[in-house]
N, C-alpha and C. Protein backbone atom coordinates (compact mmCIF):
# COMPACT_ATOMS: atom_id res chain seq x y z
N MET A 1 -2.51 57.02 -10.45
CA MET A 1 -1.26 56.54 -10.69
C MET A 1 -1.04 55.68 -9.37
N LYS A 2 -1.52 55.69 -8.03
CA LYS A 2 -1.10 54.70 -7.02
C LYS A 2 -1.80 53.76 -7.40
N PHE A 3 -3.02 53.66 -7.45
CA PHE A 3 -3.86 52.54 -7.79
C PHE A 3 -2.98 51.04 -8.79
N SER A 4 -2.58 51.77 -9.68
CA SER A 4 -1.94 51.17 -10.91
C SER A 4 -0.51 50.79 -10.29
N ASN A 5 0.20 51.46 -9.71
CA ASN A 5 0.90 50.49 -8.80
C ASN A 5 0.92 49.83 -8.29
N SER A 6 -0.23 49.62 -7.26
CA SER A 6 -0.53 48.98 -6.21
C SER A 6 -0.81 47.55 -6.99
N LEU A 7 -1.54 47.69 -7.80
CA LEU A 7 -2.07 46.69 -8.89
C LEU A 7 -0.63 45.84 -9.30
N LYS A 8 0.18 46.75 -9.66
CA LYS A 8 1.06 45.82 -10.27
C LYS A 8 1.88 45.29 -9.16
N PHE A 9 1.99 45.77 -8.33
CA PHE A 9 2.64 45.20 -6.93
C PHE A 9 2.10 43.79 -6.96
N VAL A 10 0.67 43.88 -6.52
CA VAL A 10 0.01 42.47 -6.35
C VAL A 10 -0.02 41.68 -7.16
N TYR A 11 0.04 41.99 -8.32
CA TYR A 11 0.16 40.91 -9.56
C TYR A 11 1.51 40.31 -9.68
N GLY A 12 2.71 41.53 -9.63
CA GLY A 12 3.81 40.61 -9.19
C GLY A 12 4.28 39.66 -8.21
N LEU A 13 3.44 40.19 -6.76
CA LEU A 13 3.53 39.24 -5.67
C LEU A 13 3.02 37.89 -6.19
N LEU A 14 1.69 37.80 -6.96
CA LEU A 14 0.76 36.37 -7.47
C LEU A 14 2.02 35.53 -8.16
N ILE A 15 2.79 36.37 -9.31
CA ILE A 15 3.19 36.00 -10.29
C ILE A 15 4.57 35.01 -9.63
N ALA A 16 5.11 36.03 -8.27
CA ALA A 16 6.25 35.52 -7.42
C ALA A 16 5.78 33.91 -6.64
N VAL A 17 5.04 34.29 -6.23
CA VAL A 17 4.13 32.98 -5.69
C VAL A 17 3.88 31.76 -6.53
N LEU A 18 3.44 32.67 -7.56
CA LEU A 18 3.10 31.27 -8.44
C LEU A 18 4.34 30.60 -9.29
N ALA A 19 5.45 31.28 -9.62
CA ALA A 19 6.54 30.67 -9.83
C ALA A 19 7.07 29.73 -8.77
N PHE A 20 7.28 30.51 -7.75
CA PHE A 20 7.98 29.56 -6.52
C PHE A 20 7.21 28.30 -6.41
N GLY A 21 5.84 28.40 -6.18
CA GLY A 21 4.92 26.88 -6.11
C GLY A 21 5.26 25.69 -7.07
N ALA A 22 5.70 26.65 -8.60
CA ALA A 22 5.85 25.70 -9.84
C ALA A 22 7.10 24.79 -9.58
N PHE A 23 7.99 25.97 -9.12
CA PHE A 23 9.04 24.94 -8.61
C PHE A 23 9.52 24.24 -7.44
N ALA A 24 8.97 24.33 -6.44
CA ALA A 24 8.89 23.81 -4.96
C ALA A 24 8.03 21.97 -5.21
N ALA A 25 6.76 22.28 -5.99
CA ALA A 25 5.94 21.28 -6.30
C ALA A 25 6.58 19.99 -6.43
N PRO A 26 7.52 19.65 -7.54
CA PRO A 26 8.25 18.55 -7.94
C PRO A 26 8.90 17.96 -6.55
N SER A 27 9.33 18.81 -5.48
CA SER A 27 10.32 18.77 -4.35
C SER A 27 9.45 17.47 -3.59
N ALA A 28 7.89 18.07 -3.33
CA ALA A 28 7.05 17.60 -2.31
C ALA A 28 6.74 16.33 -2.66
N TYR A 29 6.34 16.16 -4.40
CA TYR A 29 6.23 14.83 -4.98
C TYR A 29 7.32 13.97 -4.99
N ALA A 30 8.45 13.98 -4.83
CA ALA A 30 10.02 13.28 -5.18
C ALA A 30 9.83 11.79 -4.37
N ALA A 31 10.31 10.77 -4.88
CA ALA A 31 10.60 9.69 -4.12
C ALA A 31 11.04 9.75 -2.81
N PRO A 32 10.26 8.92 -2.05
CA PRO A 32 10.46 8.84 -0.49
C PRO A 32 11.97 8.32 -0.45
N LYS A 33 12.59 8.99 0.66
CA LYS A 33 14.30 8.42 0.91
C LYS A 33 14.31 6.98 1.15
N GLY A 34 15.11 6.13 0.82
CA GLY A 34 15.05 4.78 1.37
C GLY A 34 13.97 3.99 0.45
N PRO A 35 14.53 2.67 1.02
CA PRO A 35 13.27 1.93 0.35
C PRO A 35 12.00 1.76 0.77
N THR A 36 11.50 1.81 -0.25
CA THR A 36 9.60 1.66 -0.21
C THR A 36 9.33 0.22 -0.06
N ILE A 37 7.80 -0.05 0.22
CA ILE A 37 7.17 -1.03 0.70
C ILE A 37 7.66 -1.66 -0.51
N LEU A 38 7.35 -1.32 -1.81
CA LEU A 38 7.52 -2.06 -2.63
C LEU A 38 9.07 -2.90 -2.60
N ASP A 39 10.05 -2.07 -2.72
CA ASP A 39 11.53 -2.19 -2.58
C ASP A 39 11.74 -3.24 -1.63
N VAL A 40 11.36 -3.52 -0.50
CA VAL A 40 11.46 -4.06 0.91
C VAL A 40 10.99 -5.24 0.54
N ALA A 41 9.81 -5.26 -0.02
CA ALA A 41 8.85 -6.85 -0.64
C ALA A 41 9.79 -7.28 -1.15
N LYS A 42 10.15 -6.68 -2.59
CA LYS A 42 11.35 -7.62 -3.89
C LYS A 42 12.43 -8.08 -2.97
N ALA A 43 12.86 -7.12 -2.00
CA ALA A 43 14.52 -7.58 -1.31
C ALA A 43 14.13 -8.87 -0.87
N ALA A 44 12.78 -8.89 -0.14
CA ALA A 44 12.74 -10.01 0.74
C ALA A 44 12.29 -10.93 0.00
N ASN A 45 11.56 -11.09 -1.29
CA ASN A 45 11.76 -12.25 -1.84
C ASN A 45 12.72 -12.49 -2.77
N ALA A 46 13.71 -11.33 -2.45
CA ALA A 46 15.18 -11.82 -3.48
C ALA A 46 16.21 -13.18 -2.77
N GLN A 47 15.72 -12.74 -1.34
CA GLN A 47 16.10 -13.34 0.03
C GLN A 47 15.37 -14.68 0.37
N THR A 48 14.54 -14.76 0.13
CA THR A 48 13.60 -15.86 1.02
C THR A 48 12.92 -16.62 -0.38
N GLY A 49 12.48 -15.85 -1.52
CA GLY A 49 11.30 -16.80 -2.29
C GLY A 49 10.18 -16.68 -2.05
N GLU A 50 9.92 -15.76 -0.64
CA GLU A 50 8.55 -16.07 -0.21
C GLU A 50 7.52 -15.40 -0.65
N PHE A 51 7.52 -14.07 -1.41
CA PHE A 51 6.65 -13.47 -2.08
C PHE A 51 6.57 -13.57 -3.42
N SER A 52 6.73 -13.90 -4.29
CA SER A 52 7.16 -14.15 -5.64
C SER A 52 5.66 -13.88 -5.83
N ILE A 53 4.66 -14.73 -5.66
CA ILE A 53 3.31 -14.82 -6.10
C ILE A 53 2.32 -13.27 -5.65
N LEU A 54 3.32 -12.54 -4.73
CA LEU A 54 2.60 -11.04 -4.02
C LEU A 54 3.21 -10.12 -4.91
N ILE A 55 4.81 -10.29 -5.46
CA ILE A 55 4.90 -9.49 -6.72
C ILE A 55 4.33 -9.69 -7.91
N ALA A 56 4.27 -10.68 -8.64
CA ALA A 56 3.53 -10.92 -9.53
C ALA A 56 2.30 -10.49 -9.59
N ALA A 57 1.43 -10.23 -8.61
CA ALA A 57 0.20 -9.99 -8.35
C ALA A 57 0.30 -8.47 -8.33
N ILE A 58 1.39 -7.59 -7.66
CA ILE A 58 1.40 -6.42 -7.50
C ILE A 58 1.60 -6.11 -9.34
N ASN A 59 2.78 -6.73 -9.84
CA ASN A 59 2.92 -6.17 -11.36
C ASN A 59 1.41 -6.45 -12.31
N ALA A 60 0.65 -7.54 -11.97
CA ALA A 60 -0.75 -8.23 -12.93
C ALA A 60 -1.75 -6.96 -12.21
N ALA A 61 -1.64 -6.07 -11.42
CA ALA A 61 -2.55 -5.21 -10.81
C ALA A 61 -2.79 -3.50 -11.64
N ASP A 62 -3.42 -2.94 -11.42
CA ASP A 62 -3.55 -1.63 -11.73
C ASP A 62 -2.27 -1.27 -11.62
N PRO A 63 -1.62 -0.34 -12.35
CA PRO A 63 -0.30 0.49 -12.04
C PRO A 63 -0.55 1.27 -10.70
N SER A 64 -1.66 1.98 -10.63
CA SER A 64 -1.98 2.36 -9.15
C SER A 64 -1.30 1.99 -7.73
N VAL A 65 -1.65 0.35 -7.98
CA VAL A 65 -1.07 -0.39 -6.70
C VAL A 65 0.36 -0.21 -6.54
N ALA A 66 1.24 -0.26 -7.64
CA ALA A 66 2.78 -0.29 -7.44
C ALA A 66 3.46 0.99 -7.30
N ARG A 67 2.35 2.16 -7.95
CA ARG A 67 2.89 3.25 -7.48
C ARG A 67 2.49 3.66 -5.98
N THR A 68 1.28 3.41 -5.52
CA THR A 68 0.73 3.36 -4.07
C THR A 68 1.91 2.90 -3.16
N LEU A 69 2.23 1.59 -3.43
CA LEU A 69 3.30 1.13 -2.30
C LEU A 69 5.32 1.34 -2.48
N SER A 70 4.97 2.39 -3.97
CA SER A 70 6.13 2.57 -3.88
C SER A 70 6.31 4.46 -4.02
N GLY A 71 4.86 5.20 -3.73
CA GLY A 71 5.13 6.57 -3.46
C GLY A 71 5.34 7.02 -2.06
N ASN A 72 4.79 8.54 -1.84
CA ASN A 72 5.44 9.25 -0.74
C ASN A 72 4.36 8.73 0.33
N GLY A 73 3.02 8.51 0.40
CA GLY A 73 2.36 8.35 1.42
C GLY A 73 3.00 6.86 2.49
N GLN A 74 2.16 7.05 3.61
CA GLN A 74 2.50 6.04 4.36
C GLN A 74 1.54 5.13 4.71
N PHE A 75 1.54 3.85 4.36
CA PHE A 75 0.74 3.01 3.99
C PHE A 75 1.24 1.67 5.29
N THR A 76 0.47 0.73 5.43
CA THR A 76 0.47 -0.41 6.14
C THR A 76 0.21 -1.49 5.11
N VAL A 77 0.76 -2.74 5.01
CA VAL A 77 0.70 -3.81 4.28
C VAL A 77 0.51 -5.11 4.93
N PHE A 78 -0.53 -5.70 4.85
CA PHE A 78 -0.41 -7.21 5.34
C PHE A 78 -0.20 -8.06 4.29
N ALA A 79 1.30 -8.68 3.89
CA ALA A 79 1.82 -9.05 2.88
C ALA A 79 1.60 -10.90 2.94
N PRO A 80 0.88 -11.13 2.05
CA PRO A 80 0.72 -12.52 2.16
C PRO A 80 1.94 -13.54 1.87
N THR A 81 2.46 -14.38 2.40
CA THR A 81 3.43 -15.30 1.80
C THR A 81 2.74 -16.19 0.35
N ASP A 82 4.01 -16.65 -0.11
CA ASP A 82 3.59 -17.51 -1.62
C ASP A 82 2.47 -18.50 -1.31
N ALA A 83 2.48 -19.44 0.30
CA ALA A 83 2.14 -20.48 0.77
C ALA A 83 0.96 -19.86 1.04
N ALA A 84 0.49 -18.65 1.38
CA ALA A 84 -0.84 -18.39 1.48
C ALA A 84 -1.45 -18.20 0.25
N PHE A 85 -0.98 -17.61 -0.75
CA PHE A 85 -1.65 -17.31 -2.42
C PHE A 85 -1.90 -19.13 -2.68
N VAL A 86 -0.73 -20.05 -2.86
CA VAL A 86 -1.20 -21.49 -3.00
C VAL A 86 -2.29 -21.85 -2.55
N SER A 87 -2.40 -21.78 -0.76
CA SER A 87 -3.52 -22.05 -0.43
C SER A 87 -4.64 -21.21 -1.20
N LEU A 88 -4.93 -20.24 -1.08
CA LEU A 88 -6.20 -19.89 -1.72
C LEU A 88 -6.62 -19.81 -3.28
N LEU A 89 -5.34 -20.43 -4.04
CA LEU A 89 -5.61 -20.88 -5.37
C LEU A 89 -6.36 -22.17 -5.28
N ASP A 90 -5.90 -22.86 -4.49
CA ASP A 90 -6.37 -24.55 -4.29
C ASP A 90 -7.90 -24.33 -3.94
N GLU A 91 -8.18 -23.33 -2.67
CA GLU A 91 -8.89 -23.25 -2.22
C GLU A 91 -10.46 -22.62 -3.57
N LEU A 92 -9.81 -21.78 -4.14
CA LEU A 92 -10.63 -21.48 -5.07
C LEU A 92 -11.02 -22.20 -6.24
N GLY A 93 -10.10 -22.81 -6.50
CA GLY A 93 -9.66 -23.94 -7.58
C GLY A 93 -9.24 -23.09 -8.90
N LEU A 94 -8.51 -22.04 -8.81
CA LEU A 94 -7.92 -21.39 -9.82
C LEU A 94 -6.17 -21.81 -10.10
N THR A 95 -5.82 -21.31 -11.24
CA THR A 95 -4.67 -21.34 -11.38
C THR A 95 -3.84 -19.88 -11.08
N ALA A 96 -2.62 -19.69 -10.66
CA ALA A 96 -2.27 -18.50 -10.73
C ALA A 96 -2.26 -17.70 -11.63
N GLU A 97 -2.15 -18.28 -13.23
CA GLU A 97 -2.18 -17.44 -14.24
C GLU A 97 -4.19 -16.83 -14.52
N GLN A 98 -4.84 -17.66 -13.74
CA GLN A 98 -6.29 -17.31 -13.96
C GLN A 98 -6.13 -16.03 -12.94
N LEU A 99 -6.04 -16.21 -11.78
CA LEU A 99 -5.82 -15.29 -10.72
C LEU A 99 -5.31 -13.85 -11.80
N LEU A 100 -4.09 -14.22 -11.80
CA LEU A 100 -3.20 -12.61 -12.37
C LEU A 100 -3.94 -12.41 -13.39
N GLY A 101 -4.62 -13.01 -14.55
CA GLY A 101 -4.98 -12.57 -15.20
C GLY A 101 -6.39 -11.83 -15.31
N ASN A 102 -6.94 -11.67 -13.89
CA ASN A 102 -7.90 -10.97 -13.74
C ASN A 102 -7.74 -9.55 -12.96
N GLN A 103 -7.09 -8.22 -13.80
CA GLN A 103 -6.61 -7.27 -13.34
C GLN A 103 -7.56 -6.63 -12.11
N ALA A 104 -8.72 -6.67 -12.33
CA ALA A 104 -9.86 -6.00 -11.59
C ALA A 104 -9.73 -6.58 -10.17
N LEU A 105 -9.83 -7.65 -10.18
CA LEU A 105 -10.18 -8.66 -9.31
C LEU A 105 -8.62 -8.70 -8.45
N VAL A 106 -7.88 -8.99 -9.34
CA VAL A 106 -6.17 -9.06 -8.08
C VAL A 106 -5.77 -7.16 -7.52
N THR A 107 -6.37 -6.41 -8.13
CA THR A 107 -6.54 -5.23 -7.48
C THR A 107 -7.32 -4.78 -6.36
N LYS A 108 -8.74 -5.21 -6.45
CA LYS A 108 -8.95 -5.11 -5.30
C LYS A 108 -8.85 -6.24 -4.23
N VAL A 109 -8.35 -7.18 -4.45
CA VAL A 109 -7.45 -8.36 -3.29
C VAL A 109 -6.42 -7.29 -2.69
N LEU A 110 -5.71 -6.83 -3.22
CA LEU A 110 -4.32 -6.42 -3.19
C LEU A 110 -4.46 -5.29 -2.07
N LEU A 111 -5.71 -4.43 -2.34
CA LEU A 111 -5.93 -3.02 -1.85
C LEU A 111 -6.73 -3.30 -0.38
N TYR A 112 -7.20 -4.25 -0.72
CA TYR A 112 -7.63 -5.25 0.78
C TYR A 112 -6.31 -5.44 1.73
N HIS A 113 -5.22 -5.37 1.67
CA HIS A 113 -4.41 -5.97 2.42
C HIS A 113 -3.71 -4.77 2.73
N VAL A 114 -3.92 -3.66 2.28
CA VAL A 114 -2.95 -2.16 2.31
C VAL A 114 -4.05 -1.28 3.35
N VAL A 115 -3.30 -0.48 4.14
CA VAL A 115 -4.07 0.62 4.72
C VAL A 115 -3.23 1.77 5.20
N ARG A 116 -3.94 2.78 5.14
CA ARG A 116 -3.60 4.02 4.93
C ARG A 116 -2.61 4.29 6.64
N GLY A 117 -1.76 5.28 6.62
CA GLY A 117 -0.93 5.12 7.66
C GLY A 117 -0.09 4.08 8.13
N ASN A 118 0.91 4.51 8.90
CA ASN A 118 2.40 3.71 9.20
C ASN A 118 1.87 3.15 10.58
N ARG A 119 1.20 2.39 10.52
CA ARG A 119 0.60 1.13 11.86
C ARG A 119 1.88 -0.13 11.93
N ASP A 120 2.46 0.46 13.27
CA ASP A 120 3.37 -1.05 13.92
C ASP A 120 2.27 -1.41 14.45
N SER A 121 3.03 -2.84 14.95
CA SER A 121 1.94 -4.00 15.50
C SER A 121 1.62 -3.37 16.56
N ALA A 122 1.82 -2.50 17.51
CA ALA A 122 1.10 -2.29 18.85
C ALA A 122 0.04 -1.23 18.59
N ALA A 123 -0.18 -0.49 17.26
CA ALA A 123 -1.17 0.22 16.94
C ALA A 123 -2.17 -0.91 15.90
N ILE A 124 -1.43 -1.93 15.44
CA ILE A 124 -2.72 -2.95 14.62
C ILE A 124 -3.27 -3.91 15.93
N LEU A 125 -2.75 -3.99 16.83
CA LEU A 125 -3.37 -5.27 18.10
C LEU A 125 -4.28 -4.09 18.83
N ASP A 126 -4.09 -2.68 18.89
CA ASP A 126 -5.12 -2.21 19.44
C ASP A 126 -6.00 -1.59 18.48
N SER A 127 -6.30 -2.12 17.62
CA SER A 127 -7.11 -1.89 16.68
C SER A 127 -8.34 -2.76 16.37
N SER A 128 -9.68 -2.95 16.37
CA SER A 128 -10.43 -3.82 16.42
C SER A 128 -10.92 -3.92 14.77
N ARG A 129 -10.97 -2.77 14.49
CA ARG A 129 -11.42 -2.59 12.91
C ARG A 129 -10.52 -1.71 12.34
N ILE A 130 -10.25 -2.48 10.91
CA ILE A 130 -9.54 -1.67 10.60
C ILE A 130 -9.58 -1.31 8.86
N ARG A 131 -9.88 -0.10 8.55
CA ARG A 131 -10.14 0.07 6.94
C ARG A 131 -9.03 -0.09 5.96
N THR A 132 -9.24 -1.05 4.85
CA THR A 132 -8.64 -0.65 4.25
C THR A 132 -8.33 -0.19 2.67
N LEU A 133 -7.88 0.13 2.01
CA LEU A 133 -7.85 0.70 0.74
C LEU A 133 -8.88 0.30 -0.45
N GLU A 134 -8.81 -0.38 0.10
CA GLU A 134 -10.18 -1.11 -0.80
C GLU A 134 -11.58 -0.24 -0.57
N ARG A 135 -11.52 0.14 0.64
CA ARG A 135 -12.71 0.51 1.54
C ARG A 135 -13.91 -0.27 2.34
N GLY A 136 -13.10 -1.76 2.23
CA GLY A 136 -13.90 -2.42 3.25
C GLY A 136 -13.14 -2.51 4.68
N PHE A 137 -13.42 -3.44 5.60
CA PHE A 137 -12.88 -3.77 6.77
C PHE A 137 -11.94 -4.53 6.68
N VAL A 138 -11.08 -4.93 7.56
CA VAL A 138 -10.40 -6.12 8.13
C VAL A 138 -11.19 -6.34 9.70
N PHE A 139 -11.09 -7.21 10.34
CA PHE A 139 -10.83 -7.07 11.97
C PHE A 139 -10.03 -8.17 12.33
N GLN A 140 -9.60 -7.29 13.67
CA GLN A 140 -8.26 -7.80 14.35
C GLN A 140 -8.69 -8.35 15.65
N SER A 141 -8.07 -9.33 16.11
CA SER A 141 -8.43 -9.57 17.46
C SER A 141 -7.33 -10.80 17.75
N GLY A 142 -6.19 -10.10 18.49
CA GLY A 142 -4.90 -11.23 19.25
C GLY A 142 -3.99 -11.42 18.15
N GLY A 143 -4.08 -10.70 16.97
CA GLY A 143 -2.91 -10.97 15.85
C GLY A 143 -4.07 -11.70 15.10
N VAL A 144 -4.67 -11.72 14.88
CA VAL A 144 -5.29 -12.35 13.98
C VAL A 144 -6.49 -11.77 13.10
N LEU A 145 -6.15 -11.47 11.73
CA LEU A 145 -6.99 -10.72 10.79
C LEU A 145 -8.30 -11.61 10.35
N THR A 146 -9.57 -10.89 10.65
CA THR A 146 -10.75 -11.97 10.11
C THR A 146 -11.38 -10.73 8.85
N ASP A 147 -11.77 -11.36 7.25
CA ASP A 147 -11.94 -10.90 6.48
C ASP A 147 -13.39 -10.84 6.37
N ALA A 148 -14.17 -10.08 5.47
CA ALA A 148 -15.25 -9.68 5.28
C ALA A 148 -15.86 -11.08 5.23
N ASN A 149 -15.47 -11.89 4.84
CA ASN A 149 -15.99 -13.42 4.44
C ASN A 149 -15.91 -14.45 5.76
N GLY A 150 -15.43 -13.95 7.19
CA GLY A 150 -15.44 -14.88 8.39
C GLY A 150 -13.88 -15.65 8.19
N ARG A 151 -13.10 -15.46 6.91
CA ARG A 151 -11.78 -16.36 6.84
C ARG A 151 -10.77 -15.43 7.50
N THR A 152 -9.63 -16.30 8.33
CA THR A 152 -9.10 -16.04 9.18
C THR A 152 -7.44 -15.74 8.99
N ALA A 153 -6.69 -14.80 9.16
CA ALA A 153 -5.18 -14.83 8.93
C ALA A 153 -4.45 -14.43 10.30
N ASN A 154 -3.68 -15.28 10.13
CA ASN A 154 -2.46 -14.86 11.40
C ASN A 154 -1.55 -14.42 10.93
N ILE A 155 -1.34 -13.06 12.08
CA ILE A 155 0.18 -11.97 11.51
C ILE A 155 1.29 -12.68 12.03
N ILE A 156 2.43 -12.90 11.35
CA ILE A 156 3.13 -14.39 11.48
C ILE A 156 4.98 -13.28 11.77
N ALA A 157 5.02 -12.49 11.13
CA ALA A 157 6.13 -11.43 11.21
C ALA A 157 5.51 -9.86 10.93
N THR A 158 6.41 -9.06 11.98
CA THR A 158 5.69 -7.73 12.49
C THR A 158 6.77 -6.59 12.19
N ASP A 159 6.21 -5.43 11.49
CA ASP A 159 7.01 -4.30 11.91
C ASP A 159 8.12 -4.24 11.00
N ILE A 160 8.15 -4.52 9.68
CA ILE A 160 9.35 -4.53 8.27
C ILE A 160 9.02 -3.47 8.21
N LYS A 161 9.99 -2.44 8.62
CA LYS A 161 10.05 -1.03 8.19
C LYS A 161 10.71 -0.79 6.56
N ALA A 162 9.53 0.37 5.84
CA ALA A 162 10.08 0.80 4.90
C ALA A 162 9.79 2.62 4.96
N SER A 163 10.42 3.13 3.73
CA SER A 163 10.33 4.68 4.51
C SER A 163 8.93 5.48 4.03
N ASN A 164 8.34 4.56 3.65
CA ASN A 164 6.47 4.89 3.16
C ASN A 164 5.59 3.84 4.44
N GLY A 165 6.27 3.13 5.08
CA GLY A 165 5.20 2.56 5.81
C GLY A 165 6.02 1.41 6.45
N VAL A 166 5.13 0.46 6.91
CA VAL A 166 5.56 -0.61 7.36
C VAL A 166 4.68 -2.47 6.74
N ILE A 167 5.52 -3.06 6.80
CA ILE A 167 4.94 -4.79 6.40
C ILE A 167 4.59 -5.87 7.55
N HIS A 168 3.65 -6.09 7.40
CA HIS A 168 3.11 -7.26 8.29
C HIS A 168 2.78 -8.48 7.69
N VAL A 169 3.56 -9.44 7.79
CA VAL A 169 3.36 -10.47 7.04
C VAL A 169 2.31 -11.61 7.29
N ILE A 170 1.54 -11.86 6.64
CA ILE A 170 0.76 -13.00 7.05
C ILE A 170 0.25 -14.17 6.71
N ASP A 171 -0.30 -15.23 6.62
CA ASP A 171 -0.35 -16.75 6.66
C ASP A 171 -1.48 -16.85 5.38
N ARG A 172 -2.34 -16.05 5.38
CA ARG A 172 -3.41 -16.48 4.73
C ARG A 172 -3.92 -14.98 3.72
N VAL A 173 -4.43 -15.21 2.53
CA VAL A 173 -4.75 -13.97 1.76
C VAL A 173 -6.37 -13.64 2.33
N VAL A 174 -6.52 -12.43 2.55
CA VAL A 174 -7.98 -11.78 3.51
C VAL A 174 -8.67 -11.57 2.10
N LEU A 175 -9.90 -11.64 1.86
CA LEU A 175 -10.63 -11.44 0.73
C LEU A 175 -11.70 -10.41 1.11
N PRO A 176 -12.13 -9.22 0.48
CA PRO A 176 -12.79 -8.50 0.47
C PRO A 176 -14.35 -9.00 0.49
């Protein structure tokens, strides 16, 4: 008889814990409070028009990119300007439509600009090798990023805060 009451107690406790977890879990995944990296980029583009190609690329990429940039995790984004994208298009001999029409390529390139963690300019300048979400590395020296192909990009604006990370503006698209 005691065994059965103890077993009932354990089952009741287990059910209570699972029920609490089911109701508590959604709040753990709720959107961050305040403007996210994606929100900040869109607002900056609305004011300056400097990030319209970046926003178009995020929209053309796998939807997981937009979810990442608007989700709960903490990330650092190296955001190329429109001039940086235009320069890349000229360099590659592509139109914006050709680039944006290749979802796999756009996704790969964008993830090469995203780093796990909220890294302000001091943390970036203290790093010589930075792992990206694309699983590659960019190398940093004196505020200049060097990609896997030896191409360089200058960090031209830093520490643009968002609720889920920080944005640093770069003057050239880096490529994996």
